[in-house]
Amino acid sequence: MVKHSIDGASFTSLYAHLNSRSVSVGQSVSKGQLLGTVGQTGNAFGTHLHFELHRGTYVYSATSAASSVNPLNYL
């Protein structure tokens, strides 16, 4: 997960099913920096990146979108 500020609002992006990570907890990252490599971990049926964008902090919910937002609205 990476914490961001977009137009003054707080967001958290999530990158799941990575094969490897190139950054550590607490590390600052820059635009374009490699975060990891795409993989097939967990309950996955092929190599892919599972990406989510959440307003504020990440909130897990097995039944709803919780705090997730459509990332296309912020590109």
PDB file of N, CA and C in Angstrom:
ATOM      1  N   MET A   1       0.838  -1.174   0.000  1.00  0.00           N
ATOM      2  CA  MET A   1       0.000   0.000   0.000  1.00  0.00           C
ATOM      3  C   MET A   1       0.886   1.241   0.000  1.00  0.00           C
ATOM      4  N   VAL A   2       0.408   2.264  -0.685  1.00  0.00           N
ATOM      5  CA  VAL A   2       1.118   3.534  -0.761  1.00  0.00           C
ATOM      6  C   VAL A   2       0.120   4.647  -0.416  1.00  0.00           C
ATOM      7  N   LYS A   3       0.522   5.530   0.485  1.00  0.00           N
ATOM      8  CA  LYS A   3      -0.315   6.678   0.848  1.00  0.00           C
ATOM      9  C   LYS A   3       0.007   7.829  -0.087  1.00  0.00           C
ATOM     10  N   HIS A   4      -1.054   8.533  -0.554  1.00  0.00           N
ATOM     11  CA  HIS A   4      -0.915   9.640  -1.508  1.00  0.00           C
ATOM     12  C   HIS A   4      -1.731  10.833  -1.033  1.00  0.00           C
ATOM     13  N   SER A   5      -1.407  11.972  -1.593  1.00  0.00           N
ATOM     14  CA  SER A   5      -2.241  13.153  -1.465  1.00  0.00           C
ATOM     15  C   SER A   5      -2.578  13.588  -2.880  1.00  0.00           C
ATOM     16  N   ILE A   6      -3.869  13.641  -3.188  1.00  0.00           N
ATOM     17  CA  ILE A   6      -4.333  14.061  -4.512  1.00  0.00           C
ATOM     18  C   ILE A   6      -5.231  15.276  -4.311  1.00  0.00           C
ATOM     19  N   ASP A   7      -4.809  16.426  -4.821  1.00  0.00           N
ATOM     20  CA  ASP A   7      -5.552  17.681  -4.658  1.00  0.00           C
ATOM     21  C   ASP A   7      -5.892  17.936  -3.191  1.00  0.00           C
ATOM     22  N   GLY A   8      -4.956  17.622  -2.296  1.00  0.00           N
ATOM     23  CA  GLY A   8      -5.133  17.865  -0.870  1.00  0.00           C
ATOM     24  C   GLY A   8      -5.891  16.789  -0.113  1.00  0.00           C
ATOM     25  N   ALA A   9      -6.430  15.800  -0.812  1.00  0.00           N
ATOM     26  CA  ALA A   9      -7.163  14.711  -0.162  1.00  0.00           C
ATOM     27  C   ALA A   9      -6.247  13.493  -0.004  1.00  0.00           C
ATOM     28  N   SER A  10      -6.465  12.730   1.056  1.00  0.00           N
ATOM     29  CA  SER A  10      -5.651  11.555   1.354  1.00  0.00           C
ATOM     30  C   SER A  10      -6.219  10.311   0.676  1.00  0.00           C
ATOM     31  N   PHE A  11      -5.330   9.521   0.051  1.00  0.00           N
ATOM     32  CA  PHE A  11      -5.710   8.278  -0.613  1.00  0.00           C
ATOM     33  C   PHE A  11      -4.692   7.197  -0.284  1.00  0.00           C
ATOM     34  N   THR A  12      -5.100   5.952  -0.403  1.00  0.00           N
ATOM     35  CA  THR A  12      -4.203   4.807  -0.273  1.00  0.00           C
ATOM     36  C   THR A  12      -4.382   3.928  -1.495  1.00  0.00           C
ATOM     37  N   SER A  13      -3.281   3.626  -2.186  1.00  0.00           N
ATOM     38  CA  SER A  13      -3.351   2.697  -3.320  1.00  0.00           C
ATOM     39  C   SER A  13      -2.825   1.342  -2.862  1.00  0.00           C
ATOM     40  N   LEU A  14      -3.411   0.297  -3.389  1.00  0.00           N
ATOM     41  CA  LEU A  14      -3.087  -1.070  -3.004  1.00  0.00           C
ATOM     42  C   LEU A  14      -2.644  -1.834  -4.246  1.00  0.00           C
ATOM     43  N   TYR A  15      -1.563  -2.577  -4.114  1.00  0.00           N
ATOM     44  CA  TYR A  15      -0.992  -3.357  -5.216  1.00  0.00           C
ATOM     45  C   TYR A  15      -0.876  -4.798  -4.725  1.00  0.00           C
ATOM     46  N   ALA A  16      -1.718  -5.692  -5.214  1.00  0.00           N
ATOM     47  CA  ALA A  16      -1.752  -7.063  -4.701  1.00  0.00           C
ATOM     48  C   ALA A  16      -1.342  -8.066  -5.774  1.00  0.00           C
ATOM     49  N   HIS A  17      -0.995  -9.252  -5.336  1.00  0.00           N
ATOM     50  CA  HIS A  17      -0.541 -10.373  -6.159  1.00  0.00           C
ATOM     51  C   HIS A  17       0.833 -10.132  -6.760  1.00  0.00           C
ATOM     52  N   LEU A  18       1.638  -9.274  -6.105  1.00  0.00           N
ATOM     53  CA  LEU A  18       2.992  -9.037  -6.593  1.00  0.00           C
ATOM     54  C   LEU A  18       3.862 -10.267  -6.368  1.00  0.00           C
ATOM     55  N   ASN A  19       4.722 -10.545  -7.307  1.00  0.00           N
ATOM     56  CA  ASN A  19       5.685 -11.633  -7.196  1.00  0.00           C
ATOM     57  C   ASN A  19       6.834 -11.232  -6.267  1.00  0.00           C
ATOM     58  N   SER A  20       7.213  -9.945  -6.315  1.00  0.00           N
ATOM     59  CA  SER A  20       8.263  -9.428  -5.437  1.00  0.00           C
ATOM     60  C   SER A  20       8.000  -7.953  -5.188  1.00  0.00           C
ATOM     61  N   ARG A  21       8.537  -7.440  -4.077  1.00  0.00           N
ATOM     62  CA  ARG A  21       8.428  -6.014  -3.751  1.00  0.00           C
ATOM     63  C   ARG A  21       9.805  -5.381  -3.811  1.00  0.00           C
ATOM     64  N   SER A  22       9.862  -4.174  -4.344  1.00  0.00           N
ATOM     65  CA  SER A  22      11.125  -3.448  -4.480  1.00  0.00           C
ATOM     66  C   SER A  22      11.241  -2.302  -3.486  1.00  0.00           C
ATOM     67  N   VAL A  23      10.236  -2.116  -2.642  1.00  0.00           N
ATOM     68  CA  VAL A  23      10.236  -1.053  -1.642  1.00  0.00           C
ATOM     69  C   VAL A  23       9.900  -1.658  -0.278  1.00  0.00           C
ATOM     70  N   SER A  24      10.159  -0.893   0.772  1.00  0.00           N
ATOM     71  CA  SER A  24       9.949  -1.351   2.141  1.00  0.00           C
ATOM     72  C   SER A  24       8.934  -0.474   2.858  1.00  0.00           C
ATOM     73  N   VAL A  25       8.382  -0.978   3.947  1.00  0.00           N
ATOM     74  CA  VAL A  25       7.439  -0.223   4.776  1.00  0.00           C
ATOM     75  C   VAL A  25       8.117   1.049   5.269  1.00  0.00           C
ATOM     76  N   GLY A  26       7.417   2.181   5.133  1.00  0.00           N
ATOM     77  CA  GLY A  26       7.931   3.454   5.596  1.00  0.00           C
ATOM     78  C   GLY A  26       8.792   4.199   4.593  1.00  0.00           C
ATOM     79  N   GLN A  27       9.149   3.547   3.509  1.00  0.00           N
ATOM     80  CA  GLN A  27       9.985   4.173   2.486  1.00  0.00           C
ATOM     81  C   GLN A  27       9.165   5.154   1.661  1.00  0.00           C
ATOM     82  N   SER A  28       9.749   6.299   1.332  1.00  0.00           N
ATOM     83  CA  SER A  28       9.107   7.237   0.404  1.00  0.00           C
ATOM     84  C   SER A  28       9.391   6.762  -1.014  1.00  0.00           C
ATOM     85  N   VAL A  29       8.393   6.898  -1.876  1.00  0.00           N
ATOM     86  CA  VAL A  29       8.560   6.487  -3.272  1.00  0.00           C
ATOM     87  C   VAL A  29       8.264   7.672  -4.179  1.00  0.00           C
ATOM     88  N   SER A  30       8.765   7.593  -5.399  1.00  0.00           N
ATOM     89  CA  SER A  30       8.587   8.657  -6.382  1.00  0.00           C
ATOM     90  C   SER A  30       7.757   8.168  -7.553  1.00  0.00           C
ATOM     91  N   LYS A  31       7.141   9.099  -8.248  1.00  0.00           N
ATOM     92  CA  LYS A  31       6.388   8.784  -9.453  1.00  0.00           C
ATOM     93  C   LYS A  31       7.282   8.037 -10.426  1.00  0.00           C
ATOM     94  N   GLY A  32       6.798   6.903 -10.951  1.00  0.00           N
ATOM     95  CA  GLY A  32       7.542   6.113 -11.916  1.00  0.00           C
ATOM     96  C   GLY A  32       8.474   5.086 -11.303  1.00  0.00           C
ATOM     97  N   GLN A  33       8.626   5.095  -9.988  1.00  0.00           N
ATOM     98  CA  GLN A  33       9.523   4.154  -9.320  1.00  0.00           C
ATOM     99  C   GLN A  33       8.930   2.747  -9.330  1.00  0.00           C
ATOM    100  N   LEU A  34       9.773   1.741  -9.536  1.00  0.00           N
ATOM    101  CA  LEU A  34       9.338   0.346  -9.505  1.00  0.00           C
ATOM    102  C   LEU A  34       8.978  -0.038  -8.081  1.00  0.00           C
ATOM    103  N   LEU A  35       7.745  -0.508  -7.873  1.00  0.00           N
ATOM    104  CA  LEU A  35       7.295  -0.949  -6.553  1.00  0.00           C
ATOM    105  C   LEU A  35       7.458  -2.451  -6.382  1.00  0.00           C
ATOM    106  N   GLY A  36       7.370  -3.193  -7.470  1.00  0.00           N
ATOM    107  CA  GLY A  36       7.488  -4.643  -7.431  1.00  0.00           C
ATOM    108  C   GLY A  36       7.233  -5.219  -8.807  1.00  0.00           C
ATOM    109  N   THR A  37       7.215  -6.554  -8.871  1.00  0.00           N
ATOM    110  CA  THR A  37       6.950  -7.233 -10.140  1.00  0.00           C
ATOM    111  C   THR A  37       5.633  -7.986 -10.068  1.00  0.00           C
ATOM    112  N   VAL A  38       4.950  -8.038 -11.175  1.00  0.00           N
ATOM    113  CA  VAL A  38       3.643  -8.670 -11.270  1.00  0.00           C
ATOM    114  C   VAL A  38       3.774 -10.157 -10.991  1.00  0.00           C
ATOM    115  N   GLY A  39       2.777 -10.706 -10.312  1.00  0.00           N
ATOM    116  CA  GLY A  39       2.855 -12.124  -9.967  1.00  0.00           C
ATOM    117  C   GLY A  39       1.518 -12.830 -10.008  1.00  0.00           C
ATOM    118  N   GLN A  40       1.473 -13.949  -9.321  1.00  0.00           N
ATOM    119  CA  GLN A  40       0.294 -14.807  -9.293  1.00  0.00           C
ATOM    120  C   GLN A  40       0.154 -15.389  -7.890  1.00  0.00           C
ATOM    121  N   THR A  41       0.228 -14.550  -6.860  1.00  0.00           N
ATOM    122  CA  THR A  41       0.167 -15.010  -5.480  1.00  0.00           C
ATOM    123  C   THR A  41      -1.271 -15.064  -4.982  1.00  0.00           C
ATOM    124  N   GLY A  42      -1.465 -15.764  -3.882  1.00  0.00           N
ATOM    125  CA  GLY A  42      -2.791 -15.831  -3.277  1.00  0.00           C
ATOM    126  C   GLY A  42      -3.774 -16.571  -4.144  1.00  0.00           C
ATOM    127  N   ASN A  43      -5.018 -16.133  -4.106  1.00  0.00           N
ATOM    128  CA  ASN A  43      -6.109 -16.771  -4.850  1.00  0.00           C
ATOM    129  C   ASN A  43      -6.200 -16.132  -6.238  1.00  0.00           C
ATOM    130  N   ALA A  44      -5.222 -16.421  -7.084  1.00  0.00           N
ATOM    131  CA  ALA A  44      -5.155 -15.827  -8.417  1.00  0.00           C
ATOM    132  C   ALA A  44      -5.138 -16.934  -9.466  1.00  0.00           C
ATOM    133  N   PHE A  45      -5.668 -16.629 -10.634  1.00  0.00           N
ATOM    134  CA  PHE A  45      -5.746 -17.617 -11.712  1.00  0.00           C
ATOM    135  C   PHE A  45      -4.870 -17.250 -12.899  1.00  0.00           C
ATOM    136  N   GLY A  46      -3.931 -16.379 -12.685  1.00  0.00           N
ATOM    137  CA  GLY A  46      -3.009 -15.966 -13.729  1.00  0.00           C
ATOM    138  C   GLY A  46      -2.219 -14.758 -13.266  1.00  0.00           C
ATOM    139  N   THR A  47      -1.118 -14.500 -13.921  1.00  0.00           N
ATOM    140  CA  THR A  47      -0.275 -13.373 -13.570  1.00  0.00           C
ATOM    141  C   THR A  47      -1.008 -12.069 -13.855  1.00  0.00           C
ATOM    142  N   HIS A  48      -1.090 -11.211 -12.847  1.00  0.00           N
ATOM    143  CA  HIS A  48      -1.767  -9.929 -13.008  1.00  0.00           C
ATOM    144  C   HIS A  48      -1.458  -9.027 -11.818  1.00  0.00           C
ATOM    145  N   LEU A  49      -1.832  -7.776 -11.917  1.00  0.00           N
ATOM    146  CA  LEU A  49      -1.743  -6.821 -10.821  1.00  0.00           C
ATOM    147  C   LEU A  49      -3.154  -6.500 -10.362  1.00  0.00           C
ATOM    148  N   HIS A  50      -3.410  -6.647  -9.087  1.00  0.00           N
ATOM    149  CA  HIS A  50      -4.688  -6.247  -8.495  1.00  0.00           C
ATOM    150  C   HIS A  50      -4.456  -4.858  -7.903  1.00  0.00           C
ATOM    151  N   PHE A  51      -5.058  -3.842  -8.483  1.00  0.00           N
ATOM    152  CA  PHE A  51      -4.868  -2.453  -8.059  1.00  0.00           C
ATOM    153  C   PHE A  51      -6.171  -1.903  -7.517  1.00  0.00           C
ATOM    154  N   GLU A  52      -6.102  -1.218  -6.389  1.00  0.00           N
ATOM    155  CA  GLU A  52      -7.264  -0.532  -5.817  1.00  0.00           C
ATOM    156  C   GLU A  52      -6.826   0.854  -5.358  1.00  0.00           C
ATOM    157  N   LEU A  53      -7.745   1.809  -5.398  1.00  0.00           N
ATOM    158  CA  LEU A  53      -7.509   3.137  -4.850  1.00  0.00           C
ATOM    159  C   LEU A  53      -8.594   3.390  -3.810  1.00  0.00           C
ATOM    160  N   HIS A  54      -8.181   3.810  -2.616  1.00  0.00           N
ATOM    161  CA  HIS A  54      -9.114   4.055  -1.510  1.00  0.00           C
ATOM    162  C   HIS A  54      -8.988   5.490  -1.036  1.00  0.00           C
ATOM    163  N   ARG A  55     -10.134   6.127  -0.793  1.00  0.00           N
ATOM    164  CA  ARG A  55     -10.128   7.467  -0.200  1.00  0.00           C
ATOM    165  C   ARG A  55      -9.788   7.314   1.269  1.00  0.00           C
ATOM    166  N   GLY A  56      -8.795   8.069   1.724  1.00  0.00           N
ATOM    167  CA  GLY A  56      -8.350   7.952   3.115  1.00  0.00           C
ATOM    168  C   GLY A  56      -7.509   6.699   3.278  1.00  0.00           C
ATOM    169  N   THR A  57      -7.722   5.983   4.364  1.00  0.00           N
ATOM    170  CA  THR A  57      -6.968   4.761   4.618  1.00  0.00           C
ATOM    171  C   THR A  57      -7.693   3.561   4.033  1.00  0.00           C
ATOM    172  N   TYR A  58      -6.963   2.484   3.828  1.00  0.00           N
ATOM    173  CA  TYR A  58      -7.529   1.246   3.298  1.00  0.00           C
ATOM    174  C   TYR A  58      -8.468   0.642   4.330  1.00  0.00           C
ATOM    175  N   VAL A  59      -9.661   0.260   3.894  1.00  0.00           N
ATOM    176  CA  VAL A  59     -10.637  -0.413   4.746  1.00  0.00           C
ATOM    177  C   VAL A  59     -11.034  -1.698   4.051  1.00  0.00           C
ATOM    178  N   TYR A  60     -10.733  -2.844   4.676  1.00  0.00           N
ATOM    179  CA  TYR A  60     -11.083  -4.126   4.077  1.00  0.00           C
ATOM    180  C   TYR A  60     -12.550  -4.421   4.299  1.00  0.00           C
ATOM    181  N   SER A  61     -13.207  -4.936   3.270  1.00  0.00           N
ATOM    182  CA  SER A  61     -14.570  -5.424   3.378  1.00  0.00           C
ATOM    183  C   SER A  61     -14.739  -6.567   2.402  1.00  0.00           C
ATOM    184  N   ALA A  62     -15.182  -7.710   2.899  1.00  0.00           N
ATOM    185  CA  ALA A  62     -15.409  -8.868   2.042  1.00  0.00           C
ATOM    186  C   ALA A  62     -16.730  -8.754   1.283  1.00  0.00           C
ATOM    187  N   THR A  63     -17.582  -7.818   1.675  1.00  0.00           N
ATOM    188  CA  THR A  63     -18.911  -7.743   1.080  1.00  0.00           C
ATOM    189  C   THR A  63     -19.205  -6.460   0.316  1.00  0.00           C
ATOM    190  N   SER A  64     -18.339  -5.446   0.431  1.00  0.00           N
ATOM    191  CA  SER A  64     -18.619  -4.197  -0.277  1.00  0.00           C
ATOM    192  C   SER A  64     -17.314  -3.537  -0.718  1.00  0.00           C
ATOM    193  N   ALA A  65     -17.436  -2.453  -1.428  1.00  0.00           N
ATOM    194  CA  ALA A  65     -16.264  -1.746  -1.925  1.00  0.00           C
ATOM    195  C   ALA A  65     -15.578  -0.924  -0.835  1.00  0.00           C
ATOM    196  N   ALA A  66     -16.206  -0.820   0.332  1.00  0.00           N
ATOM    197  CA  ALA A  66     -15.664  -0.071   1.481  1.00  0.00           C
ATOM    198  C   ALA A  66     -15.234   1.316   1.034  1.00  0.00           C
ATOM    199  N   SER A  67     -13.979   1.668   1.230  1.00  0.00           N
ATOM    200  CA  SER A  67     -13.514   3.028   0.906  1.00  0.00           C
ATOM    201  C   SER A  67     -12.956   3.149  -0.496  1.00  0.00           C
ATOM    202  N   SER A  68     -13.120   2.130  -1.333  1.00  0.00           N
ATOM    203  CA  SER A  68     -12.519   2.162  -2.664  1.00  0.00           C
ATOM    204  C   SER A  68     -13.250   3.160  -3.580  1.00  0.00           C
ATOM    205  N   VAL A  69     -12.472   3.737  -4.490  1.00  0.00           N
ATOM    206  CA  VAL A  69     -13.003   4.680  -5.482  1.00  0.00           C
ATOM    207  C   VAL A  69     -12.493   4.256  -6.855  1.00  0.00           C
ATOM    208  N   ASN A  70     -13.130   4.763  -7.896  1.00  0.00           N
ATOM    209  CA  ASN A  70     -12.707   4.471  -9.253  1.00  0.00           C
ATOM    210  C   ASN A  70     -11.447   5.281  -9.561  1.00  0.00           C
ATOM    211  N   PRO A  71     -10.293   4.618  -9.781  1.00  0.00           N
ATOM    212  CA  PRO A  71      -9.060   5.363 -10.025  1.00  0.00           C
ATOM    213  C   PRO A  71      -9.091   6.197 -11.302  1.00  0.00           C
ATOM    214  N   LEU A  72      -9.937   5.834 -12.257  1.00  0.00           N
ATOM    215  CA  LEU A  72     -10.021   6.614 -13.497  1.00  0.00           C
ATOM    216  C   LEU A  72     -10.485   8.035 -13.236  1.00  0.00           C
ATOM    217  N   ASN A  73     -11.182   8.255 -12.120  1.00  0.00           N
ATOM    218  CA  ASN A  73     -11.632   9.601 -11.780  1.00  0.00           C
ATOM    219  C   ASN A  73     -10.486  10.508 -11.341  1.00  0.00           C
ATOM    220  N   TYR A  74      -9.297   9.926 -11.117  1.00  0.00           N
ATOM    221  CA  TYR A  74      -8.180  10.692 -10.586  1.00  0.00           C
ATOM    222  C   TYR A  74      -6.969  10.728 -11.517  1.00  0.00           C
ATOM    223  N   LEU A  75      -7.114  10.222 -12.732  1.00  0.00           N
ATOM    224  CA  LEU A  75      -6.019  10.250 -13.690  1.00  0.00           C
ATOM    225  C   LEU A  75      -6.036  11.534 -14.501  1.00  0.00           C
TER     226      LEU A  75
END
